[in-house]
Amino acid sequence: MSNVLIRPSDLKQFKETFLEKISAGYVENKALTDLGVSKAQFIRICLENPEFVKEIEEARKHRAEFWVSKIASSVDDVYDPKEVAGEKLRLEKLVFLAKADNPEEYRDWE
């Protein structure tokens, strides 16, 4: 999708959709790409809407729960010895993402 210019009348819908995507596990770049919004326009929206920035922070906390649920869903999985290193790396990435999105809750995870 090409970059689109968000009109003031579409701003509310953009914000809602963006926050839904972040809460559902999208990273910001993927959400913006799917919505056809450039990083520059997104930054401008954030600068002009400090309340939206707070809402993004809350959405990231929800996204942390998404990462944690992915970790939990793999607890009972059985891996071939050749797969263990790759799975360990995947789980370390998920822990990192959970910590990054909600450091208050997950900072002490090892």
C-alpha atoms as a PDB file:
ATOM      1  CA  MET A   1       0.000   0.000   0.000  1.00  0.00           C
ATOM      2  CA  SER A   2       1.371   3.416  -0.864  1.00  0.00           C
ATOM      3  CA  ASN A   3       1.630   6.184   1.692  1.00  0.00           C
ATOM      4  CA  VAL A   4      -1.634   7.985   2.208  1.00  0.00           C
ATOM      5  CA  LEU A   5      -2.196  11.393   3.682  1.00  0.00           C
ATOM      6  CA  ILE A   6      -4.429  11.165   6.715  1.00  0.00           C
ATOM      7  CA  ARG A   7      -7.106  13.817   6.674  1.00  0.00           C
ATOM      8  CA  PRO A   8      -8.219  15.267  10.005  1.00  0.00           C
ATOM      9  CA  SER A   9     -11.565  13.527   9.509  1.00  0.00           C
ATOM     10  CA  ASP A  10      -9.772  10.158   9.265  1.00  0.00           C
ATOM     11  CA  LEU A  11      -7.431  10.699  12.211  1.00  0.00           C
ATOM     12  CA  LYS A  12      -9.673   9.079  14.812  1.00  0.00           C
ATOM     13  CA  GLN A  13     -10.092   5.939  12.698  1.00  0.00           C
ATOM     14  CA  PHE A  14      -6.343   5.767  12.036  1.00  0.00           C
ATOM     15  CA  LYS A  15      -5.575   6.004  15.754  1.00  0.00           C
ATOM     16  CA  GLU A  16      -8.090   3.320  16.674  1.00  0.00           C
ATOM     17  CA  THR A  17      -6.900   0.933  13.974  1.00  0.00           C
ATOM     18  CA  PHE A  18      -3.235   1.542  14.765  1.00  0.00           C
ATOM     19  CA  LEU A  19      -3.784   0.902  18.487  1.00  0.00           C
ATOM     20  CA  GLU A  20      -5.737  -2.280  17.721  1.00  0.00           C
ATOM     21  CA  LYS A  21      -2.898  -3.565  15.566  1.00  0.00           C
ATOM     22  CA  ILE A  22      -0.261  -2.805  18.202  1.00  0.00           C
ATOM     23  CA  SER A  23      -2.337  -4.491  20.910  1.00  0.00           C
ATOM     24  CA  ALA A  24      -2.736  -7.539  18.649  1.00  0.00           C
ATOM     25  CA  GLY A  25       1.009  -8.044  18.231  1.00  0.00           C
ATOM     26  CA  TYR A  26       1.968  -5.898  15.273  1.00  0.00           C
ATOM     27  CA  VAL A  27       5.205  -3.968  15.504  1.00  0.00           C
ATOM     28  CA  GLU A  28       4.889  -0.285  14.671  1.00  0.00           C
ATOM     29  CA  ASN A  29       6.557  -0.468  11.253  1.00  0.00           C
ATOM     30  CA  LYS A  30       4.284  -3.316  10.128  1.00  0.00           C
ATOM     31  CA  ALA A  31       1.166  -1.515  11.387  1.00  0.00           C
ATOM     32  CA  LEU A  32       2.171   1.683   9.567  1.00  0.00           C
ATOM     33  CA  THR A  33       2.927  -0.221   6.372  1.00  0.00           C
ATOM     34  CA  ASP A  34      -0.421  -2.002   6.506  1.00  0.00           C
ATOM     35  CA  LEU A  35      -2.174   1.324   7.025  1.00  0.00           C
ATOM     36  CA  GLY A  36      -0.151   3.030   4.301  1.00  0.00           C
ATOM     37  CA  VAL A  37       1.174   5.720   6.612  1.00  0.00           C
ATOM     38  CA  SER A  38       4.746   6.981   6.463  1.00  0.00           C
ATOM     39  CA  LYS A  39       6.942   7.179   9.538  1.00  0.00           C
ATOM     40  CA  ALA A  40       7.238  10.926   9.020  1.00  0.00           C
ATOM     41  CA  GLN A  41       3.477  11.366   9.086  1.00  0.00           C
ATOM     42  CA  PHE A  42       3.214   9.082  12.117  1.00  0.00           C
ATOM     43  CA  ILE A  43       5.828  11.133  13.983  1.00  0.00           C
ATOM     44  CA  ARG A  44       3.943  14.321  13.147  1.00  0.00           C
ATOM     45  CA  ILE A  45       0.700  12.788  14.440  1.00  0.00           C
ATOM     46  CA  CYS A  46       2.450  11.781  17.667  1.00  0.00           C
ATOM     47  CA  LEU A  47       3.941  15.246  18.143  1.00  0.00           C
ATOM     48  CA  GLU A  48       0.557  16.865  17.639  1.00  0.00           C
ATOM     49  CA  ASN A  49      -1.305  14.349  19.838  1.00  0.00           C
ATOM     50  CA  PRO A  50       0.499  13.646  23.132  1.00  0.00           C
ATOM     51  CA  GLU A  51      -2.536  11.710  24.395  1.00  0.00           C
ATOM     52  CA  PHE A  52      -2.124   9.331  21.445  1.00  0.00           C
ATOM     53  CA  VAL A  53       1.455   8.655  22.568  1.00  0.00           C
ATOM     54  CA  LYS A  54       0.115   7.594  25.981  1.00  0.00           C
ATOM     55  CA  GLU A  55      -2.402   5.337  24.263  1.00  0.00           C
ATOM     56  CA  ILE A  56       0.422   3.754  22.251  1.00  0.00           C
ATOM     57  CA  GLU A  57       2.275   3.027  25.483  1.00  0.00           C
ATOM     58  CA  GLU A  58      -0.822   1.256  26.818  1.00  0.00           C
ATOM     59  CA  ALA A  59      -1.199  -0.695  23.575  1.00  0.00           C
ATOM     60  CA  ARG A  60       2.425  -1.826  23.920  1.00  0.00           C
ATOM     61  CA  LYS A  61       1.625  -3.179  27.376  1.00  0.00           C
ATOM     62  CA  HIS A  62      -1.176  -5.205  25.809  1.00  0.00           C
ATOM     63  CA  ARG A  63       1.243  -6.353  23.119  1.00  0.00           C
ATOM     64  CA  ALA A  64       3.597  -7.574  25.862  1.00  0.00           C
ATOM     65  CA  GLU A  65       0.807  -9.922  26.923  1.00  0.00           C
ATOM     66  CA  PHE A  66       0.656 -11.144  23.322  1.00  0.00           C
ATOM     67  CA  TRP A  67       4.378 -12.024  23.471  1.00  0.00           C
ATOM     68  CA  VAL A  68       3.909 -13.740  26.843  1.00  0.00           C
ATOM     69  CA  SER A  69       1.009 -15.780  25.469  1.00  0.00           C
ATOM     70  CA  LYS A  70       3.253 -16.996  22.651  1.00  0.00           C
ATOM     71  CA  ILE A  71       5.801 -18.110  25.251  1.00  0.00           C
ATOM     72  CA  ALA A  72       3.134 -19.859  27.305  1.00  0.00           C
ATOM     73  CA  SER A  73       1.677 -21.628  24.275  1.00  0.00           C
ATOM     74  CA  SER A  74       5.030 -23.279  23.589  1.00  0.00           C
ATOM     75  CA  VAL A  75       5.555 -24.667  27.107  1.00  0.00           C
ATOM     76  CA  ASP A  76       4.335 -28.174  26.281  1.00  0.00           C
ATOM     77  CA  ASP A  77       5.954 -28.384  22.850  1.00  0.00           C
ATOM     78  CA  VAL A  78       8.492 -31.142  22.296  1.00  0.00           C
ATOM     79  CA  TYR A  79      11.463 -30.370  20.079  1.00  0.00           C
ATOM     80  CA  ASP A  80      13.961 -32.424  18.180  1.00  0.00           C
ATOM     81  CA  PRO A  81      17.457 -31.777  19.574  1.00  0.00           C
ATOM     82  CA  LYS A  82      18.332 -29.966  16.339  1.00  0.00           C
ATOM     83  CA  GLU A  83      15.472 -27.522  16.915  1.00  0.00           C
ATOM     84  CA  VAL A  84      16.322 -26.621  20.516  1.00  0.00           C
ATOM     85  CA  ALA A  85      18.815 -23.836  19.753  1.00  0.00           C
ATOM     86  CA  GLY A  86      16.439 -22.146  17.319  1.00  0.00           C
ATOM     87  CA  GLU A  87      13.514 -22.427  19.726  1.00  0.00           C
ATOM     88  CA  LYS A  88      15.632 -21.060  22.567  1.00  0.00           C
ATOM     89  CA  LEU A  89      16.509 -18.042  20.432  1.00  0.00           C
ATOM     90  CA  ARG A  90      12.842 -17.528  19.522  1.00  0.00           C
ATOM     91  CA  LEU A  91      11.841 -17.613  23.197  1.00  0.00           C
ATOM     92  CA  GLU A  92      14.649 -15.195  24.123  1.00  0.00           C
ATOM     93  CA  LYS A  93      13.341 -12.806  21.464  1.00  0.00           C
ATOM     94  CA  LEU A  94       9.814 -13.043  22.863  1.00  0.00           C
ATOM     95  CA  VAL A  95      11.087 -12.367  26.400  1.00  0.00           C
ATOM     96  CA  PHE A  96      13.048  -9.366  25.083  1.00  0.00           C
ATOM     97  CA  LEU A  97       9.941  -8.028  23.340  1.00  0.00           C
ATOM     98  CA  ALA A  98       7.781  -8.476  26.442  1.00  0.00           C
ATOM     99  CA  LYS A  99      10.380  -6.626  28.534  1.00  0.00           C
ATOM    100  CA  ALA A 100      10.648  -3.836  25.969  1.00  0.00           C
ATOM    101  CA  ASP A 101       6.886  -3.364  25.728  1.00  0.00           C
ATOM    102  CA  ASN A 102       6.179  -3.544  29.466  1.00  0.00           C
ATOM    103  CA  PRO A 103       9.365  -3.137  31.497  1.00  0.00           C
ATOM    104  CA  GLU A 104       7.447  -2.494  34.719  1.00  0.00           C
ATOM    105  CA  GLU A 105       5.922  -5.962  34.538  1.00  0.00           C
ATOM    106  CA  TYR A 106       8.692  -8.024  32.916  1.00  0.00           C
ATOM    107  CA  ARG A 107      12.017  -6.314  33.661  1.00  0.00           C
ATOM    108  CA  ASP A 108      13.101  -9.080  36.079  1.00  0.00           C
ATOM    109  CA  TRP A 109      12.483 -11.930  33.651  1.00  0.00           C
ATOM    110  CA  GLU A 110      15.603 -13.902  32.845  1.00  0.00           C
END
